[in-house]
Amino acid sequence: MHDFSSLSFREQPIFSTRAHVFQIDPNTKKNWVPTSKHAVTVSYFYDSTRNVYRIISLDGSKAIINSTITPNMTFTKTSQKFGQWADSRANTVYGLGFSSEHHLSKFAEKFQEFKEAARLAKEKSQEKMELTSTPSQESAGGDIQSPLTPESINGTDDERATPEVTQNSEPRAEPTQNALPFTHRYRFHSH
């Protein structure tokens, strides 16, 4: 467990298993390169500060997997004891060789579970963003109205009390109608 502290993961693993870890050969994108000499612990972590799920595996103090689960990731069983997933952020494909079919199935099950949790977390954060952006739009609407109110002095309070779309168009139309006679008057004065 001491190794994890060096990566500053204070959270406890949610699920751990043991597997041989592989990464796709970056040159050929076909061959598997073993990144662990023997079976190592592969764990799912929940990072509460960022609200993300990660798969982490250490070989000694070196992180051989540090993969953040995103909703569009897929874990594929390619044989009875081997599975893989692509991590676009790390620009690689991780492969895991398990000692039994049961361990592979359990890992795949957890992958699906945390992928779904990641999707829900992402949706929630998007909803939050939408909620915070709507009041600013409303206040922008208020700013647009305020320059018009001094010009239509009559009934200003009523308009402010009920700022409905239909009423907004009326005060907006008034200044332009009033403005036309004013410009004509000034023209006559200048002559």
N, C-alpha and C. Protein backbone atom coordinates (compact mmCIF):
# COMPACT_ATOMS: atom_id res chain seq x y z
N MET A 1 0.83 -1.22 0.00
CA MET A 1 0.00 0.00 0.00
C MET A 1 0.86 1.26 0.00
N HIS A 2 2.12 1.14 0.46
CA HIS A 2 2.97 2.35 0.53
C HIS A 2 3.20 2.95 -0.84
N ASP A 3 3.25 2.07 -1.85
CA ASP A 3 3.50 2.55 -3.21
C ASP A 3 2.42 3.52 -3.66
N PHE A 4 1.18 3.27 -3.24
CA PHE A 4 0.06 4.11 -3.70
C PHE A 4 0.19 5.54 -3.19
N SER A 5 0.79 5.69 -2.00
CA SER A 5 0.89 7.05 -1.44
C SER A 5 1.79 7.93 -2.31
N SER A 6 2.76 7.31 -2.97
CA SER A 6 3.64 8.10 -3.83
C SER A 6 2.88 8.68 -5.02
N LEU A 7 1.77 8.02 -5.39
CA LEU A 7 0.93 8.54 -6.47
C LEU A 7 -0.18 9.44 -5.93
N SER A 8 -0.15 9.66 -4.62
CA SER A 8 -1.12 10.52 -3.92
C SER A 8 -2.56 10.04 -4.09
N PHE A 9 -2.76 8.73 -4.07
CA PHE A 9 -4.14 8.20 -4.07
C PHE A 9 -4.49 7.83 -2.64
N ARG A 10 -5.21 8.74 -1.99
CA ARG A 10 -5.57 8.51 -0.60
C ARG A 10 -6.74 7.54 -0.49
N GLU A 11 -7.52 7.45 -1.56
CA GLU A 11 -8.71 6.60 -1.51
C GLU A 11 -8.31 5.11 -1.48
N GLN A 12 -9.17 4.34 -0.88
CA GLN A 12 -8.98 2.90 -0.86
C GLN A 12 -9.45 2.32 -2.20
N PRO A 13 -8.80 1.25 -2.67
CA PRO A 13 -9.31 0.65 -3.91
C PRO A 13 -10.72 0.10 -3.71
N ILE A 14 -11.56 0.25 -4.71
CA ILE A 14 -12.95 -0.24 -4.62
C ILE A 14 -12.97 -1.73 -4.93
N PHE A 15 -12.11 -2.11 -5.85
CA PHE A 15 -12.06 -3.53 -6.25
C PHE A 15 -10.65 -3.82 -6.73
N SER A 16 -10.08 -4.94 -6.27
CA SER A 16 -8.73 -5.32 -6.70
C SER A 16 -8.71 -6.75 -7.19
N THR A 17 -7.84 -6.99 -8.15
CA THR A 17 -7.65 -8.34 -8.66
C THR A 17 -6.19 -8.48 -9.05
N ARG A 18 -5.79 -9.66 -9.47
CA ARG A 18 -4.40 -9.84 -9.92
C ARG A 18 -4.41 -10.28 -11.38
N ALA A 19 -3.49 -9.72 -12.15
CA ALA A 19 -3.42 -10.06 -13.57
C ALA A 19 -2.04 -9.71 -14.12
N HIS A 20 -1.72 -10.34 -15.24
CA HIS A 20 -0.53 -9.93 -15.99
C HIS A 20 -0.93 -8.74 -16.86
N VAL A 21 -0.12 -7.71 -16.83
CA VAL A 21 -0.47 -6.48 -17.55
C VAL A 21 0.33 -6.38 -18.85
N PHE A 22 -0.39 -6.01 -19.91
CA PHE A 22 0.23 -5.81 -21.22
C PHE A 22 -0.19 -4.46 -21.78
N GLN A 23 0.64 -3.94 -22.69
CA GLN A 23 0.24 -2.77 -23.45
C GLN A 23 0.52 -3.05 -24.92
N ILE A 24 -0.28 -2.45 -25.78
CA ILE A 24 -0.10 -2.66 -27.21
C ILE A 24 1.23 -2.03 -27.64
N ASP A 25 1.93 -2.68 -28.54
CA ASP A 25 3.18 -2.13 -29.06
C ASP A 25 2.87 -0.83 -29.80
N PRO A 26 3.43 0.31 -29.35
CA PRO A 26 3.08 1.59 -29.98
C PRO A 26 3.48 1.67 -31.46
N ASN A 27 4.47 0.87 -31.86
CA ASN A 27 4.92 0.92 -33.25
C ASN A 27 4.02 0.13 -34.19
N THR A 28 3.72 -1.12 -33.80
CA THR A 28 2.93 -1.97 -34.70
C THR A 28 1.43 -1.86 -34.43
N LYS A 29 1.06 -1.49 -33.20
CA LYS A 29 -0.35 -1.47 -32.76
C LYS A 29 -0.99 -2.86 -32.88
N LYS A 30 -0.14 -3.88 -32.93
CA LYS A 30 -0.67 -5.26 -33.06
C LYS A 30 -0.17 -6.15 -31.93
N ASN A 31 1.13 -6.11 -31.68
CA ASN A 31 1.70 -7.03 -30.70
C ASN A 31 1.54 -6.51 -29.28
N TRP A 32 1.41 -7.45 -28.35
CA TRP A 32 1.31 -7.10 -26.93
C TRP A 32 2.70 -7.08 -26.32
N VAL A 33 2.99 -6.05 -25.54
CA VAL A 33 4.26 -5.95 -24.82
C VAL A 33 3.95 -6.11 -23.34
N PRO A 34 4.53 -7.13 -22.67
CA PRO A 34 4.25 -7.29 -21.23
C PRO A 34 4.87 -6.14 -20.44
N THR A 35 4.07 -5.51 -19.59
CA THR A 35 4.60 -4.41 -18.77
C THR A 35 4.82 -4.87 -17.33
N SER A 36 4.41 -6.09 -17.01
CA SER A 36 4.72 -6.66 -15.69
C SER A 36 5.34 -8.05 -15.91
N LYS A 37 6.38 -8.34 -15.12
CA LYS A 37 7.07 -9.64 -15.29
C LYS A 37 6.23 -10.78 -14.72
N HIS A 38 5.36 -10.42 -13.78
CA HIS A 38 4.52 -11.44 -13.14
C HIS A 38 3.15 -10.83 -12.87
N ALA A 39 2.24 -11.59 -12.30
CA ALA A 39 0.90 -11.06 -11.99
C ALA A 39 1.02 -9.97 -10.93
N VAL A 40 0.35 -8.85 -11.18
CA VAL A 40 0.37 -7.73 -10.23
C VAL A 40 -1.07 -7.36 -9.85
N THR A 41 -1.18 -6.56 -8.81
CA THR A 41 -2.51 -6.12 -8.38
C THR A 41 -3.01 -5.02 -9.31
N VAL A 42 -4.22 -5.21 -9.79
CA VAL A 42 -4.88 -4.21 -10.62
C VAL A 42 -6.12 -3.75 -9.85
N SER A 43 -6.22 -2.46 -9.60
CA SER A 43 -7.30 -1.95 -8.74
C SER A 43 -8.12 -0.87 -9.41
N TYR A 44 -9.39 -0.84 -9.04
CA TYR A 44 -10.27 0.29 -9.40
C TYR A 44 -10.25 1.27 -8.24
N PHE A 45 -10.08 2.53 -8.56
CA PHE A 45 -10.10 3.58 -7.54
C PHE A 45 -11.17 4.60 -7.90
N TYR A 46 -11.73 5.21 -6.87
CA TYR A 46 -12.64 6.35 -7.10
C TYR A 46 -11.95 7.59 -6.59
N ASP A 47 -11.70 8.54 -7.47
CA ASP A 47 -11.07 9.80 -7.10
C ASP A 47 -12.18 10.81 -6.79
N SER A 48 -12.44 11.00 -5.50
CA SER A 48 -13.58 11.84 -5.10
C SER A 48 -13.35 13.31 -5.40
N THR A 49 -12.09 13.75 -5.47
CA THR A 49 -11.84 15.18 -5.75
C THR A 49 -12.23 15.52 -7.18
N ARG A 50 -11.99 14.58 -8.11
CA ARG A 50 -12.33 14.85 -9.52
C ARG A 50 -13.59 14.13 -9.96
N ASN A 51 -14.14 13.31 -9.07
CA ASN A 51 -15.35 12.55 -9.38
C ASN A 51 -15.13 11.64 -10.59
N VAL A 52 -13.99 10.92 -10.58
CA VAL A 52 -13.69 9.99 -11.67
C VAL A 52 -13.27 8.63 -11.13
N TYR A 53 -13.43 7.62 -11.96
CA TYR A 53 -13.01 6.27 -11.63
C TYR A 53 -11.75 5.96 -12.44
N ARG A 54 -10.79 5.31 -11.78
CA ARG A 54 -9.56 4.96 -12.49
C ARG A 54 -9.20 3.51 -12.28
N ILE A 55 -8.44 2.97 -13.23
CA ILE A 55 -7.84 1.65 -13.07
C ILE A 55 -6.36 1.90 -12.89
N ILE A 56 -5.82 1.40 -11.78
CA ILE A 56 -4.41 1.64 -11.47
C ILE A 56 -3.72 0.33 -11.15
N SER A 57 -2.53 0.18 -11.70
CA SER A 57 -1.72 -0.98 -11.37
C SER A 57 -0.28 -0.54 -11.22
N LEU A 58 0.35 -1.03 -10.16
CA LEU A 58 1.74 -0.67 -9.91
C LEU A 58 2.62 -1.91 -9.97
N ASP A 59 3.78 -1.72 -10.57
CA ASP A 59 4.81 -2.76 -10.53
C ASP A 59 5.95 -2.15 -9.74
N GLY A 60 6.02 -2.49 -8.45
CA GLY A 60 6.94 -1.79 -7.56
C GLY A 60 6.38 -0.40 -7.32
N SER A 61 7.16 0.64 -7.65
CA SER A 61 6.67 2.01 -7.47
C SER A 61 6.24 2.62 -8.80
N LYS A 62 6.39 1.84 -9.88
CA LYS A 62 6.06 2.37 -11.21
C LYS A 62 4.60 2.06 -11.57
N ALA A 63 3.88 3.09 -11.99
CA ALA A 63 2.48 2.88 -12.40
C ALA A 63 2.48 2.34 -13.83
N ILE A 64 2.06 1.09 -13.98
CA ILE A 64 2.01 0.52 -15.34
C ILE A 64 0.63 0.69 -15.95
N ILE A 65 -0.37 0.95 -15.09
CA ILE A 65 -1.70 1.36 -15.59
C ILE A 65 -2.14 2.54 -14.75
N ASN A 66 -2.56 3.61 -15.42
CA ASN A 66 -3.22 4.72 -14.74
C ASN A 66 -4.24 5.24 -15.74
N SER A 67 -5.39 4.58 -15.74
CA SER A 67 -6.38 4.82 -16.80
C SER A 67 -7.67 5.33 -16.20
N THR A 68 -8.10 6.52 -16.65
CA THR A 68 -9.37 7.08 -16.19
C THR A 68 -10.50 6.50 -17.03
N ILE A 69 -11.50 5.93 -16.37
CA ILE A 69 -12.61 5.31 -17.10
C ILE A 69 -13.55 6.40 -17.62
N THR A 70 -13.82 6.37 -18.92
CA THR A 70 -14.76 7.32 -19.52
C THR A 70 -15.96 6.54 -20.07
N PRO A 71 -17.10 7.23 -20.25
CA PRO A 71 -18.32 6.52 -20.68
C PRO A 71 -18.19 5.82 -22.04
N ASN A 72 -17.26 6.25 -22.87
CA ASN A 72 -17.17 5.63 -24.20
C ASN A 72 -16.13 4.50 -24.27
N MET A 73 -15.56 4.13 -23.13
CA MET A 73 -14.60 3.01 -23.13
C MET A 73 -15.34 1.69 -23.14
N THR A 74 -14.68 0.68 -23.72
CA THR A 74 -15.27 -0.66 -23.74
C THR A 74 -14.22 -1.68 -23.36
N PHE A 75 -14.59 -2.56 -22.43
CA PHE A 75 -13.70 -3.66 -22.06
C PHE A 75 -14.13 -4.88 -22.86
N THR A 76 -13.20 -5.47 -23.59
CA THR A 76 -13.53 -6.61 -24.46
C THR A 76 -12.80 -7.85 -24.01
N LYS A 77 -13.55 -8.94 -23.85
CA LYS A 77 -12.92 -10.24 -23.55
C LYS A 77 -12.47 -10.83 -24.88
N THR A 78 -11.17 -11.00 -25.04
CA THR A 78 -10.68 -11.52 -26.32
C THR A 78 -10.40 -13.03 -26.25
N SER A 79 -10.33 -13.56 -25.03
CA SER A 79 -10.25 -15.02 -24.86
C SER A 79 -10.81 -15.34 -23.48
N GLN A 80 -10.72 -16.60 -23.07
CA GLN A 80 -11.31 -16.97 -21.77
C GLN A 80 -10.61 -16.30 -20.59
N LYS A 81 -9.35 -15.95 -20.78
CA LYS A 81 -8.61 -15.38 -19.65
C LYS A 81 -7.96 -14.04 -19.97
N PHE A 82 -8.31 -13.46 -21.11
CA PHE A 82 -7.65 -12.21 -21.51
C PHE A 82 -8.69 -11.17 -21.93
N GLY A 83 -8.47 -9.94 -21.50
CA GLY A 83 -9.36 -8.84 -21.88
C GLY A 83 -8.56 -7.57 -22.14
N GLN A 84 -9.18 -6.64 -22.84
CA GLN A 84 -8.46 -5.41 -23.19
C GLN A 84 -9.40 -4.22 -23.26
N TRP A 85 -8.83 -3.03 -23.13
CA TRP A 85 -9.59 -1.79 -23.36
C TRP A 85 -8.64 -0.74 -23.89
N ALA A 86 -9.20 0.17 -24.70
CA ALA A 86 -8.41 1.25 -25.29
C ALA A 86 -8.56 2.50 -24.43
N ASP A 87 -7.45 3.16 -24.18
CA ASP A 87 -7.47 4.42 -23.44
C ASP A 87 -6.94 5.50 -24.38
N SER A 88 -7.88 6.33 -24.88
CA SER A 88 -7.49 7.33 -25.88
C SER A 88 -6.61 8.42 -25.27
N ARG A 89 -6.83 8.73 -23.97
CA ARG A 89 -6.01 9.76 -23.34
C ARG A 89 -4.56 9.32 -23.22
N ALA A 90 -4.38 8.06 -22.86
CA ALA A 90 -3.01 7.53 -22.74
C ALA A 90 -2.49 7.08 -24.11
N ASN A 91 -3.38 7.11 -25.11
CA ASN A 91 -3.05 6.71 -26.47
C ASN A 91 -2.47 5.29 -26.52
N THR A 92 -3.14 4.38 -25.81
CA THR A 92 -2.67 3.00 -25.80
C THR A 92 -3.84 2.05 -25.58
N VAL A 93 -3.55 0.76 -25.71
CA VAL A 93 -4.53 -0.27 -25.38
C VAL A 93 -3.92 -1.12 -24.28
N TYR A 94 -4.67 -1.30 -23.20
CA TYR A 94 -4.21 -2.13 -22.09
C TYR A 94 -4.77 -3.54 -22.24
N GLY A 95 -3.95 -4.52 -21.91
CA GLY A 95 -4.41 -5.92 -21.92
C GLY A 95 -4.16 -6.55 -20.57
N LEU A 96 -5.08 -7.40 -20.12
CA LEU A 96 -4.92 -8.09 -18.84
C LEU A 96 -5.09 -9.59 -19.02
N GLY A 97 -4.11 -10.32 -18.54
CA GLY A 97 -4.19 -11.79 -18.57
C GLY A 97 -4.50 -12.30 -17.18
N PHE A 98 -5.62 -12.99 -17.04
CA PHE A 98 -6.07 -13.46 -15.72
C PHE A 98 -5.77 -14.95 -15.53
N SER A 99 -5.78 -15.35 -14.26
CA SER A 99 -5.48 -16.75 -13.95
C SER A 99 -6.68 -17.66 -14.22
N SER A 100 -7.87 -17.06 -14.25
CA SER A 100 -9.06 -17.87 -14.51
C SER A 100 -10.12 -17.04 -15.22
N GLU A 101 -11.07 -17.75 -15.82
CA GLU A 101 -12.18 -17.08 -16.52
C GLU A 101 -13.03 -16.28 -15.53
N HIS A 102 -13.13 -16.81 -14.30
CA HIS A 102 -13.93 -16.16 -13.27
C HIS A 102 -13.37 -14.76 -12.97
N HIS A 103 -12.04 -14.67 -12.81
CA HIS A 103 -11.41 -13.38 -12.50
C HIS A 103 -11.62 -12.38 -13.64
N LEU A 104 -11.55 -12.87 -14.86
CA LEU A 104 -11.78 -12.01 -16.03
C LEU A 104 -13.22 -11.49 -16.03
N SER A 105 -14.16 -12.39 -15.79
CA SER A 105 -15.58 -12.00 -15.79
C SER A 105 -15.85 -10.95 -14.71
N LYS A 106 -15.25 -11.16 -13.54
CA LYS A 106 -15.46 -10.23 -12.42
C LYS A 106 -14.91 -8.85 -12.77
N PHE A 107 -13.74 -8.83 -13.39
CA PHE A 107 -13.13 -7.55 -13.76
C PHE A 107 -13.99 -6.84 -14.81
N ALA A 108 -14.48 -7.59 -15.78
CA ALA A 108 -15.32 -7.03 -16.85
C ALA A 108 -16.62 -6.47 -16.27
N GLU A 109 -17.17 -7.19 -15.29
CA GLU A 109 -18.41 -6.76 -14.63
C GLU A 109 -18.20 -5.42 -13.92
N LYS A 110 -17.07 -5.29 -13.22
CA LYS A 110 -16.76 -4.05 -12.50
C LYS A 110 -16.50 -2.91 -13.48
N PHE A 111 -15.86 -3.24 -14.60
CA PHE A 111 -15.57 -2.21 -15.61
C PHE A 111 -16.89 -1.60 -16.09
N GLN A 112 -17.85 -2.47 -16.37
CA GLN A 112 -19.17 -2.01 -16.84
C GLN A 112 -19.86 -1.15 -15.79
N GLU A 113 -19.75 -1.61 -14.54
CA GLU A 113 -20.40 -0.91 -13.42
C GLU A 113 -19.83 0.50 -13.24
N PHE A 114 -18.50 0.62 -13.27
CA PHE A 114 -17.87 1.93 -13.04
C PHE A 114 -17.95 2.82 -14.28
N LYS A 115 -18.05 2.19 -15.44
CA LYS A 115 -18.24 2.96 -16.67
C LYS A 115 -19.62 3.65 -16.63
N GLU A 116 -20.61 2.92 -16.15
CA GLU A 116 -21.97 3.47 -16.00
C GLU A 116 -21.97 4.59 -14.96
N ALA A 117 -21.23 4.38 -13.87
CA ALA A 117 -21.13 5.41 -12.82
C ALA A 117 -20.45 6.65 -13.38
N ALA A 118 -19.45 6.46 -14.23
CA ALA A 118 -18.74 7.59 -14.85
C ALA A 118 -19.69 8.36 -15.77
N ARG A 119 -20.56 7.62 -16.47
CA ARG A 119 -21.51 8.26 -17.38
C ARG A 119 -22.49 9.12 -16.57
N LEU A 120 -22.99 8.59 -15.47
CA LEU A 120 -23.93 9.34 -14.62
C LEU A 120 -23.26 10.56 -14.02
N ALA A 121 -22.01 10.41 -13.60
CA ALA A 121 -21.27 11.53 -13.01
C ALA A 121 -21.08 12.63 -14.05
N LYS A 122 -20.82 12.22 -15.28
CA LYS A 122 -20.62 13.19 -16.36
C LYS A 122 -21.93 13.95 -16.64
N GLU A 123 -23.03 13.20 -16.68
CA GLU A 123 -24.34 13.83 -16.93
C GLU A 123 -24.68 14.83 -15.82
N LYS A 124 -24.38 14.45 -14.58
CA LYS A 124 -24.67 15.33 -13.44
C LYS A 124 -23.87 16.62 -13.56
N SER A 125 -22.60 16.49 -13.93
CA SER A 125 -21.76 17.70 -14.02
C SER A 125 -22.22 18.58 -15.17
N GLN A 126 -22.74 17.96 -16.25
CA GLN A 126 -23.27 18.76 -17.36
C GLN A 126 -24.54 19.48 -16.94
N GLU A 127 -25.38 18.80 -16.14
CA GLU A 127 -26.61 19.42 -15.65
C GLU A 127 -26.27 20.63 -14.78
N LYS A 128 -25.25 20.45 -13.93
CA LYS A 128 -24.81 21.55 -13.06
C LYS A 128 -24.39 22.74 -13.91
N MET A 129 -23.65 22.48 -14.96
CA MET A 129 -23.18 23.55 -15.83
C MET A 129 -24.36 24.28 -16.48
N GLU A 130 -25.37 23.50 -16.89
CA GLU A 130 -26.55 24.10 -17.51
C GLU A 130 -27.31 24.96 -16.49
N LEU A 131 -27.41 24.47 -15.28
CA LEU A 131 -28.13 25.21 -14.23
C LEU A 131 -27.42 26.52 -13.92
N THR A 132 -26.09 26.48 -13.87
CA THR A 132 -25.36 27.71 -13.53
C THR A 132 -25.38 28.69 -14.69
N SER A 133 -25.54 28.20 -15.91
CA SER A 133 -25.51 29.12 -17.06
C SER A 133 -26.86 29.81 -17.27
N THR A 134 -27.97 29.21 -16.82
CA THR A 134 -29.27 29.84 -17.08
C THR A 134 -29.47 31.15 -16.33
N PRO A 135 -29.09 31.27 -15.04
CA PRO A 135 -29.32 32.58 -14.39
C PRO A 135 -28.57 33.71 -15.08
N SER A 136 -27.39 33.43 -15.61
CA SER A 136 -26.62 34.50 -16.26
C SER A 136 -27.34 34.98 -17.52
N GLN A 137 -28.04 34.05 -18.18
CA GLN A 137 -28.80 34.46 -19.36
C GLN A 137 -29.97 35.36 -18.95
N GLU A 138 -30.59 35.01 -17.83
CA GLU A 138 -31.72 35.82 -17.36
C GLU A 138 -31.25 37.22 -16.99
N SER A 139 -30.11 37.30 -16.31
CA SER A 139 -29.62 38.63 -15.91
C SER A 139 -29.24 39.44 -17.14
N ALA A 140 -28.76 38.74 -18.18
CA ALA A 140 -28.44 39.45 -19.43
C ALA A 140 -29.72 40.05 -20.00
N GLY A 141 -30.82 39.28 -19.89
CA GLY A 141 -32.11 39.79 -20.38
C GLY A 141 -32.51 41.03 -19.61
N GLY A 142 -32.24 41.03 -18.31
CA GLY A 142 -32.56 42.19 -17.48
C GLY A 142 -31.76 43.41 -17.90
N ASP A 143 -30.51 43.18 -18.26
CA ASP A 143 -29.66 44.31 -18.67
C ASP A 143 -30.18 44.95 -19.95
N ILE A 144 -30.71 44.13 -20.84
CA ILE A 144 -31.21 44.67 -22.11
C ILE A 144 -32.41 45.57 -21.85
N GLN A 145 -33.25 45.16 -20.87
CA GLN A 145 -34.45 45.97 -20.59
C GLN A 145 -34.10 47.31 -19.97
N SER A 146 -33.09 47.34 -19.09
CA SER A 146 -32.86 48.55 -18.30
C SER A 146 -32.61 49.81 -19.12
N PRO A 147 -31.88 49.77 -20.26
CA PRO A 147 -31.73 51.04 -20.99
C PRO A 147 -33.05 51.57 -21.55
N LEU A 148 -34.01 50.69 -21.77
CA LEU A 148 -35.27 51.13 -22.36
C LEU A 148 -36.18 51.81 -21.34
N THR A 149 -36.08 51.40 -20.08
CA THR A 149 -37.04 51.89 -19.09
C THR A 149 -37.02 53.40 -18.90
N PRO A 150 -35.87 54.10 -18.90
CA PRO A 150 -35.94 55.55 -18.69
C PRO A 150 -36.70 56.26 -19.80
N GLU A 151 -36.64 55.74 -21.00
CA GLU A 151 -37.31 56.42 -22.12
C GLU A 151 -38.82 56.30 -22.02
N SER A 152 -39.30 55.11 -21.57
CA SER A 152 -40.75 54.98 -21.40
C SER A 152 -41.03 55.16 -19.91
N ILE A 153 -41.05 56.40 -19.47
CA ILE A 153 -41.16 56.69 -18.04
C ILE A 153 -42.54 56.27 -17.51
N ASN A 154 -43.60 56.47 -18.30
CA ASN A 154 -44.93 56.08 -17.85
C ASN A 154 -45.01 54.56 -17.73
N GLY A 155 -45.49 54.11 -16.58
CA GLY A 155 -45.71 52.68 -16.38
C GLY A 155 -44.43 51.87 -16.26
N THR A 156 -43.36 52.51 -15.86
CA THR A 156 -42.09 51.78 -15.72
C THR A 156 -42.20 50.70 -14.66
N ASP A 157 -42.81 51.04 -13.52
CA ASP A 157 -42.88 50.08 -12.42
C ASP A 157 -43.65 48.83 -12.83
N ASP A 158 -44.75 49.04 -13.55
CA ASP A 158 -45.55 47.88 -13.97
C ASP A 158 -44.73 46.97 -14.86
N GLU A 159 -43.99 47.56 -15.77
CA GLU A 159 -43.21 46.75 -16.70
C GLU A 159 -42.14 45.97 -15.97
N ARG A 160 -41.54 46.61 -14.98
CA ARG A 160 -40.48 45.92 -14.24
C ARG A 160 -41.07 44.77 -13.42
N ALA A 161 -42.26 44.99 -12.89
CA ALA A 161 -42.86 43.98 -12.01
C ALA A 161 -43.19 42.72 -12.80
N THR A 162 -43.65 42.87 -14.02
CA THR A 162 -44.01 41.69 -14.82
C THR A 162 -43.24 41.71 -16.14
N PRO A 163 -41.97 41.32 -16.10
CA PRO A 163 -41.21 41.35 -17.36
C PRO A 163 -41.54 40.14 -18.23
N GLU A 164 -42.64 40.20 -18.93
CA GLU A 164 -43.00 39.11 -19.84
C GLU A 164 -42.59 39.48 -21.25
N VAL A 165 -42.50 38.45 -22.06
CA VAL A 165 -41.99 38.66 -23.42
C VAL A 165 -42.90 39.62 -24.19
N THR A 166 -44.21 39.46 -24.03
CA THR A 166 -45.14 40.30 -24.81
C THR A 166 -44.99 41.77 -24.43
N GLN A 167 -44.78 42.04 -23.13
CA GLN A 167 -44.64 43.44 -22.70
C GLN A 167 -43.30 44.03 -23.12
N ASN A 168 -42.29 43.17 -23.15
CA ASN A 168 -40.97 43.67 -23.54
C ASN A 168 -40.99 44.30 -24.92
N SER A 169 -41.77 43.70 -25.81
CA SER A 169 -41.76 44.20 -27.18
C SER A 169 -42.42 45.58 -27.26
N GLU A 170 -43.37 45.84 -26.33
CA GLU A 170 -44.05 47.16 -26.38
C GLU A 170 -43.11 48.30 -26.03
N PRO A 171 -42.46 48.27 -24.86
CA PRO A 171 -41.58 49.41 -24.57
C PRO A 171 -40.46 49.55 -25.59
N ARG A 172 -40.06 48.41 -26.19
CA ARG A 172 -38.99 48.47 -27.17
C ARG A 172 -39.47 49.24 -28.42
N ALA A 173 -40.75 49.08 -28.73
CA ALA A 173 -41.28 49.74 -29.92
C ALA A 173 -41.47 51.24 -29.66
N GLU A 174 -41.82 51.62 -28.43
CA GLU A 174 -42.11 53.03 -28.12
C GLU A 174 -40.97 53.99 -28.42
N PRO A 175 -39.76 53.71 -27.93
CA PRO A 175 -38.71 54.69 -28.16
C PRO A 175 -38.47 54.96 -29.65
N THR A 176 -38.56 53.91 -30.47
CA THR A 176 -38.29 54.13 -31.89
C THR A 176 -39.37 55.03 -32.50
N GLN A 177 -40.64 54.83 -32.07
CA GLN A 177 -41.72 55.68 -32.60
C GLN A 177 -41.53 57.12 -32.13
N ASN A 178 -41.19 57.27 -30.85
CA ASN A 178 -40.97 58.62 -30.32
C ASN A 178 -39.77 59.28 -30.98
N ALA A 179 -38.78 58.47 -31.29
CA ALA A 179 -37.53 59.03 -31.80
C ALA A 179 -37.74 59.68 -33.16
N LEU A 180 -38.63 59.13 -33.96
CA LEU A 180 -38.82 59.69 -35.30
C LEU A 180 -39.32 61.13 -35.26
N PRO A 181 -40.40 61.45 -34.52
CA PRO A 181 -40.87 62.84 -34.48
C PRO A 181 -39.79 63.79 -33.95
N PHE A 182 -38.99 63.33 -32.97
CA PHE A 182 -37.94 64.18 -32.42
C PHE A 182 -36.96 64.60 -33.50
N THR A 183 -36.53 63.63 -34.29
CA THR A 183 -35.52 63.95 -35.31
C THR A 183 -36.10 64.93 -36.32
N HIS A 184 -37.39 64.76 -36.65
CA HIS A 184 -38.01 65.69 -37.60
C HIS A 184 -38.03 67.10 -37.01
N ARG A 185 -38.40 67.19 -35.72
CA ARG A 185 -38.48 68.50 -35.09
C ARG A 185 -37.15 69.21 -35.15
N TYR A 186 -36.09 68.44 -34.81
CA TYR A 186 -34.77 69.07 -34.82
C TYR A 186 -34.37 69.55 -36.21
N ARG A 187 -34.80 68.77 -37.20
CA ARG A 187 -34.49 69.18 -38.57
C ARG A 187 -35.16 70.53 -38.88
N PHE A 188 -36.46 70.64 -38.45
CA PHE A 188 -37.17 71.89 -38.74
C PHE A 188 -36.48 73.06 -38.05
N HIS A 189 -36.02 72.84 -36.80
CA HIS A 189 -35.36 73.92 -36.07
C HIS A 189 -34.11 74.37 -36.80
N SER A 190 -33.40 73.40 -37.33
CA SER A 190 -32.12 73.76 -37.97
C SER A 190 -32.38 74.60 -39.22
N HIS A 191 -33.52 74.33 -39.90
CA HIS A 191 -33.84 75.16 -41.08
C HIS A 191 -34.28 76.53 -40.59
